[in-house]
Amino acid sequence: MGGFLENLKKFFTAPPSQGESGFLVFNIKCNKCGEEIAVKIRRTSDISRIYEDEGGTQGSSFYVRKEILGNKCNNLIYLTAYFGENFNLLSSEISGGTIID
């Protein structure tokens, strides 16, 4: 039975080499409590394509809107980011926190 569970675990777990490349990571600092939060955004499901009539930043192909809540306080952080065709960050807007490197 252990073999079956191990195979099932492998099926639902992405290999490390694929896992990190499938994510974009934003490091956010809460303006209220100072908590640093690593936000992983999945390229395959969290990011939406921008179509011609939807607007967005000049030259952007994708965008994401996230509501972020840390563990230390109840301050809700809002992030909107726009990306080019290769998922390069073109612009971002954030309220309730700041993006850190």
N, C-alpha and C. Protein backbone atom coordinates (compact mmCIF):
# COMPACT_ATOMS: atom_id res chain seq x y z
N MET A 1 0.82 -1.19 0.00
CA MET A 1 0.00 0.00 0.00
C MET A 1 0.87 1.26 0.00
N GLY A 2 2.05 1.20 0.62
CA GLY A 2 2.94 2.35 0.66
C GLY A 2 3.37 2.79 -0.72
N GLY A 3 3.59 1.81 -1.62
CA GLY A 3 3.98 2.14 -2.99
C GLY A 3 2.92 2.93 -3.72
N PHE A 4 1.66 2.55 -3.51
CA PHE A 4 0.55 3.26 -4.14
C PHE A 4 0.49 4.70 -3.66
N LEU A 5 0.63 4.91 -2.36
CA LEU A 5 0.57 6.27 -1.81
C LEU A 5 1.75 7.11 -2.28
N GLU A 6 2.94 6.51 -2.37
CA GLU A 6 4.10 7.24 -2.87
C GLU A 6 3.90 7.66 -4.33
N ASN A 7 3.36 6.75 -5.15
CA ASN A 7 3.09 7.09 -6.55
C ASN A 7 2.04 8.19 -6.65
N LEU A 8 1.03 8.14 -5.80
CA LEU A 8 -0.02 9.17 -5.79
C LEU A 8 0.57 10.52 -5.39
N LYS A 9 1.46 10.51 -4.41
CA LYS A 9 2.11 11.74 -3.96
C LYS A 9 2.94 12.35 -5.08
N LYS A 10 3.68 11.50 -5.81
CA LYS A 10 4.50 11.98 -6.92
C LYS A 10 3.64 12.57 -8.03
N PHE A 11 2.46 11.98 -8.23
CA PHE A 11 1.55 12.47 -9.27
C PHE A 11 1.06 13.88 -8.97
N PHE A 12 0.79 14.18 -7.70
CA PHE A 12 0.23 15.48 -7.32
C PHE A 12 1.28 16.50 -6.90
N THR A 13 2.54 16.12 -6.88
CA THR A 13 3.61 17.03 -6.48
C THR A 13 4.50 17.31 -7.68
N ALA A 14 4.68 18.60 -7.99
CA ALA A 14 5.53 18.98 -9.12
C ALA A 14 6.99 18.79 -8.74
N PRO A 15 7.82 18.32 -9.64
CA PRO A 15 9.25 18.23 -9.36
C PRO A 15 9.83 19.61 -9.07
N PRO A 16 10.85 19.70 -8.22
CA PRO A 16 11.42 21.00 -7.86
C PRO A 16 11.85 21.83 -9.06
N SER A 17 12.39 21.22 -10.09
CA SER A 17 12.84 21.99 -11.25
C SER A 17 11.68 22.66 -11.96
N GLN A 18 10.53 21.97 -12.02
CA GLN A 18 9.36 22.56 -12.66
C GLN A 18 8.65 23.53 -11.73
N GLY A 19 8.62 23.22 -10.44
CA GLY A 19 7.85 24.00 -9.49
C GLY A 19 8.23 25.46 -9.46
N GLU A 20 9.53 25.75 -9.36
CA GLU A 20 9.96 27.13 -9.25
C GLU A 20 9.78 27.88 -10.57
N SER A 21 9.97 27.22 -11.70
CA SER A 21 9.83 27.92 -12.97
C SER A 21 8.36 28.21 -13.29
N GLY A 22 7.46 27.52 -12.69
CA GLY A 22 6.04 27.73 -12.92
C GLY A 22 5.46 28.86 -12.08
N PHE A 23 6.29 29.50 -11.26
CA PHE A 23 5.82 30.55 -10.37
C PHE A 23 6.56 31.86 -10.61
N LEU A 24 5.87 32.94 -10.35
CA LEU A 24 6.49 34.25 -10.20
C LEU A 24 6.39 34.58 -8.72
N VAL A 25 7.44 35.10 -8.12
CA VAL A 25 7.44 35.36 -6.69
C VAL A 25 7.56 36.86 -6.44
N PHE A 26 6.66 37.38 -5.61
CA PHE A 26 6.72 38.77 -5.15
C PHE A 26 6.98 38.73 -3.65
N ASN A 27 7.95 39.50 -3.19
CA ASN A 27 8.19 39.65 -1.76
C ASN A 27 7.53 40.95 -1.34
N ILE A 28 6.58 40.84 -0.44
CA ILE A 28 5.74 41.96 -0.02
C ILE A 28 5.99 42.24 1.46
N LYS A 29 6.03 43.53 1.82
CA LYS A 29 6.15 43.92 3.23
C LYS A 29 4.88 44.66 3.62
N CYS A 30 4.24 44.19 4.68
CA CYS A 30 3.00 44.80 5.17
C CYS A 30 3.29 46.17 5.76
N ASN A 31 2.49 47.17 5.36
CA ASN A 31 2.67 48.53 5.89
C ASN A 31 2.26 48.66 7.35
N LYS A 32 1.39 47.76 7.82
CA LYS A 32 0.86 47.87 9.17
C LYS A 32 1.78 47.23 10.22
N CYS A 33 2.22 45.98 9.96
CA CYS A 33 3.00 45.26 10.98
C CYS A 33 4.44 44.97 10.56
N GLY A 34 4.77 45.20 9.28
CA GLY A 34 6.13 44.96 8.81
C GLY A 34 6.43 43.53 8.42
N GLU A 35 5.45 42.65 8.48
CA GLU A 35 5.67 41.25 8.09
C GLU A 35 6.08 41.17 6.63
N GLU A 36 7.05 40.31 6.35
CA GLU A 36 7.48 40.07 4.98
C GLU A 36 6.80 38.79 4.50
N ILE A 37 6.13 38.87 3.36
CA ILE A 37 5.33 37.77 2.84
C ILE A 37 5.83 37.43 1.44
N ALA A 38 6.16 36.18 1.21
CA ALA A 38 6.53 35.71 -0.14
C ALA A 38 5.25 35.23 -0.82
N VAL A 39 4.88 35.89 -1.90
CA VAL A 39 3.66 35.55 -2.63
C VAL A 39 4.05 34.85 -3.92
N LYS A 40 3.65 33.59 -4.06
CA LYS A 40 3.91 32.83 -5.28
C LYS A 40 2.69 32.91 -6.18
N ILE A 41 2.92 33.29 -7.42
CA ILE A 41 1.85 33.41 -8.40
C ILE A 41 2.08 32.36 -9.48
N ARG A 42 1.11 31.48 -9.67
CA ARG A 42 1.23 30.45 -10.69
C ARG A 42 1.02 31.04 -12.07
N ARG A 43 1.96 30.76 -12.96
CA ARG A 43 1.83 31.26 -14.34
C ARG A 43 0.65 30.62 -15.05
N THR A 44 0.32 29.38 -14.69
CA THR A 44 -0.71 28.63 -15.41
C THR A 44 -2.13 28.93 -14.96
N SER A 45 -2.32 29.42 -13.73
CA SER A 45 -3.70 29.60 -13.27
C SER A 45 -4.00 30.95 -12.63
N ASP A 46 -3.01 31.63 -12.06
CA ASP A 46 -3.27 32.91 -11.39
C ASP A 46 -3.25 34.10 -12.34
N ILE A 47 -2.52 33.97 -13.43
CA ILE A 47 -2.34 35.09 -14.35
C ILE A 47 -3.35 35.00 -15.48
N SER A 48 -3.92 36.15 -15.85
CA SER A 48 -4.92 36.21 -16.92
C SER A 48 -4.36 36.95 -18.13
N ARG A 49 -4.78 36.55 -19.29
CA ARG A 49 -4.38 37.21 -20.54
C ARG A 49 -5.18 38.50 -20.69
N ILE A 50 -4.53 39.53 -21.22
CA ILE A 50 -5.19 40.80 -21.53
C ILE A 50 -5.54 40.79 -23.01
N TYR A 51 -6.79 41.09 -23.31
CA TYR A 51 -7.22 41.19 -24.69
C TYR A 51 -7.29 42.66 -25.08
N GLU A 52 -7.31 42.96 -26.36
CA GLU A 52 -7.18 44.33 -26.87
C GLU A 52 -8.14 45.32 -26.23
N ASP A 53 -9.37 44.93 -25.99
CA ASP A 53 -10.36 45.87 -25.47
C ASP A 53 -10.34 46.00 -23.95
N GLU A 54 -9.44 45.30 -23.25
CA GLU A 54 -9.41 45.34 -21.79
C GLU A 54 -8.46 46.38 -21.22
N GLY A 55 -7.65 46.99 -22.03
CA GLY A 55 -6.74 48.02 -21.53
C GLY A 55 -5.51 47.41 -20.90
N GLY A 56 -5.06 48.00 -19.78
CA GLY A 56 -3.84 47.54 -19.14
C GLY A 56 -2.69 48.45 -19.47
N THR A 57 -1.52 48.12 -18.99
CA THR A 57 -0.31 48.88 -19.25
C THR A 57 0.11 48.69 -20.70
N GLN A 58 0.66 49.72 -21.30
CA GLN A 58 1.12 49.67 -22.69
C GLN A 58 2.04 48.47 -22.90
N GLY A 59 1.73 47.63 -23.88
CA GLY A 59 2.56 46.48 -24.20
C GLY A 59 2.35 45.26 -23.33
N SER A 60 1.42 45.33 -22.37
CA SER A 60 1.22 44.19 -21.48
C SER A 60 0.36 43.12 -22.14
N SER A 61 0.69 41.87 -21.82
CA SER A 61 -0.04 40.73 -22.35
C SER A 61 -0.81 39.98 -21.27
N PHE A 62 -0.34 40.10 -20.00
CA PHE A 62 -0.94 39.38 -18.89
C PHE A 62 -1.07 40.30 -17.68
N TYR A 63 -1.97 39.94 -16.76
CA TYR A 63 -2.08 40.67 -15.50
C TYR A 63 -2.51 39.71 -14.39
N VAL A 64 -2.28 40.15 -13.17
CA VAL A 64 -2.74 39.41 -12.00
C VAL A 64 -3.23 40.41 -10.97
N ARG A 65 -4.28 40.04 -10.28
CA ARG A 65 -4.78 40.81 -9.12
C ARG A 65 -4.82 39.85 -7.95
N LYS A 66 -4.18 40.23 -6.86
CA LYS A 66 -4.11 39.37 -5.68
C LYS A 66 -4.49 40.16 -4.45
N GLU A 67 -5.20 39.49 -3.55
CA GLU A 67 -5.43 40.00 -2.20
C GLU A 67 -4.54 39.17 -1.29
N ILE A 68 -3.71 39.84 -0.50
CA ILE A 68 -2.71 39.16 0.31
C ILE A 68 -2.98 39.45 1.78
N LEU A 69 -2.98 38.40 2.57
CA LEU A 69 -3.17 38.52 4.01
C LEU A 69 -2.07 37.75 4.71
N GLY A 70 -1.31 38.44 5.54
CA GLY A 70 -0.22 37.79 6.26
C GLY A 70 -0.72 37.06 7.49
N ASN A 71 0.21 36.62 8.31
CA ASN A 71 -0.12 35.88 9.53
C ASN A 71 -0.15 36.75 10.78
N LYS A 72 0.49 37.93 10.73
CA LYS A 72 0.65 38.74 11.94
C LYS A 72 -0.49 39.71 12.21
N CYS A 73 -1.17 40.18 11.17
CA CYS A 73 -2.25 41.15 11.38
C CYS A 73 -3.34 40.95 10.33
N ASN A 74 -4.38 41.75 10.42
CA ASN A 74 -5.52 41.60 9.51
C ASN A 74 -5.51 42.62 8.37
N ASN A 75 -4.36 43.24 8.11
CA ASN A 75 -4.23 44.20 7.02
C ASN A 75 -4.27 43.48 5.68
N LEU A 76 -5.22 43.83 4.85
CA LEU A 76 -5.35 43.22 3.53
C LEU A 76 -4.54 44.04 2.53
N ILE A 77 -3.67 43.37 1.78
CA ILE A 77 -2.80 44.02 0.80
C ILE A 77 -3.32 43.67 -0.58
N TYR A 78 -3.42 44.67 -1.44
CA TYR A 78 -3.92 44.47 -2.80
C TYR A 78 -2.78 44.70 -3.79
N LEU A 79 -2.56 43.72 -4.67
CA LEU A 79 -1.51 43.79 -5.67
C LEU A 79 -2.11 43.61 -7.05
N THR A 80 -1.77 44.50 -7.97
CA THR A 80 -2.10 44.36 -9.38
C THR A 80 -0.80 44.50 -10.15
N ALA A 81 -0.50 43.53 -11.01
CA ALA A 81 0.75 43.57 -11.77
C ALA A 81 0.47 43.23 -13.22
N TYR A 82 1.22 43.87 -14.11
CA TYR A 82 1.09 43.66 -15.56
C TYR A 82 2.41 43.10 -16.09
N PHE A 83 2.30 42.13 -16.99
CA PHE A 83 3.47 41.43 -17.51
C PHE A 83 3.46 41.45 -19.03
N GLY A 84 4.67 41.36 -19.60
CA GLY A 84 4.83 41.22 -21.04
C GLY A 84 4.62 39.77 -21.46
N GLU A 85 4.85 39.51 -22.72
CA GLU A 85 4.62 38.18 -23.29
C GLU A 85 5.48 37.11 -22.63
N ASN A 86 6.67 37.45 -22.16
CA ASN A 86 7.56 36.49 -21.50
C ASN A 86 7.47 36.54 -19.98
N PHE A 87 6.36 37.06 -19.47
CA PHE A 87 6.09 37.20 -18.03
C PHE A 87 7.08 38.13 -17.35
N ASN A 88 7.67 39.06 -18.10
CA ASN A 88 8.51 40.08 -17.48
C ASN A 88 7.60 41.16 -16.91
N LEU A 89 7.90 41.61 -15.72
CA LEU A 89 7.08 42.60 -15.03
C LEU A 89 7.21 43.95 -15.71
N LEU A 90 6.07 44.52 -16.13
CA LEU A 90 6.07 45.84 -16.77
C LEU A 90 5.69 46.93 -15.78
N SER A 91 4.70 46.67 -14.93
CA SER A 91 4.30 47.64 -13.92
C SER A 91 3.51 46.94 -12.83
N SER A 92 3.43 47.59 -11.68
CA SER A 92 2.65 47.04 -10.57
C SER A 92 2.08 48.17 -9.73
N GLU A 93 0.95 47.86 -9.11
CA GLU A 93 0.31 48.78 -8.17
C GLU A 93 0.04 47.98 -6.91
N ILE A 94 0.31 48.58 -5.75
CA ILE A 94 0.09 47.87 -4.50
C ILE A 94 -0.45 48.86 -3.47
N SER A 95 -1.37 48.39 -2.65
CA SER A 95 -1.86 49.21 -1.54
C SER A 95 -1.87 48.35 -0.27
N GLY A 96 -1.50 48.96 0.83
CA GLY A 96 -1.43 48.25 2.09
C GLY A 96 -0.08 47.59 2.34
N GLY A 97 0.82 47.68 1.37
CA GLY A 97 2.14 47.07 1.50
C GLY A 97 3.08 47.62 0.46
N THR A 98 4.30 47.13 0.47
CA THR A 98 5.29 47.53 -0.52
C THR A 98 5.99 46.29 -1.05
N ILE A 99 6.45 46.36 -2.29
CA ILE A 99 7.22 45.27 -2.87
C ILE A 99 8.67 45.46 -2.49
N ILE A 100 9.29 44.40 -1.98
CA ILE A 100 10.71 44.46 -1.59
C ILE A 100 11.49 43.46 -2.43
N ASP A 101 12.80 43.64 -2.51
CA ASP A 101 13.66 42.73 -3.26
C ASP A 101 14.15 41.61 -2.39
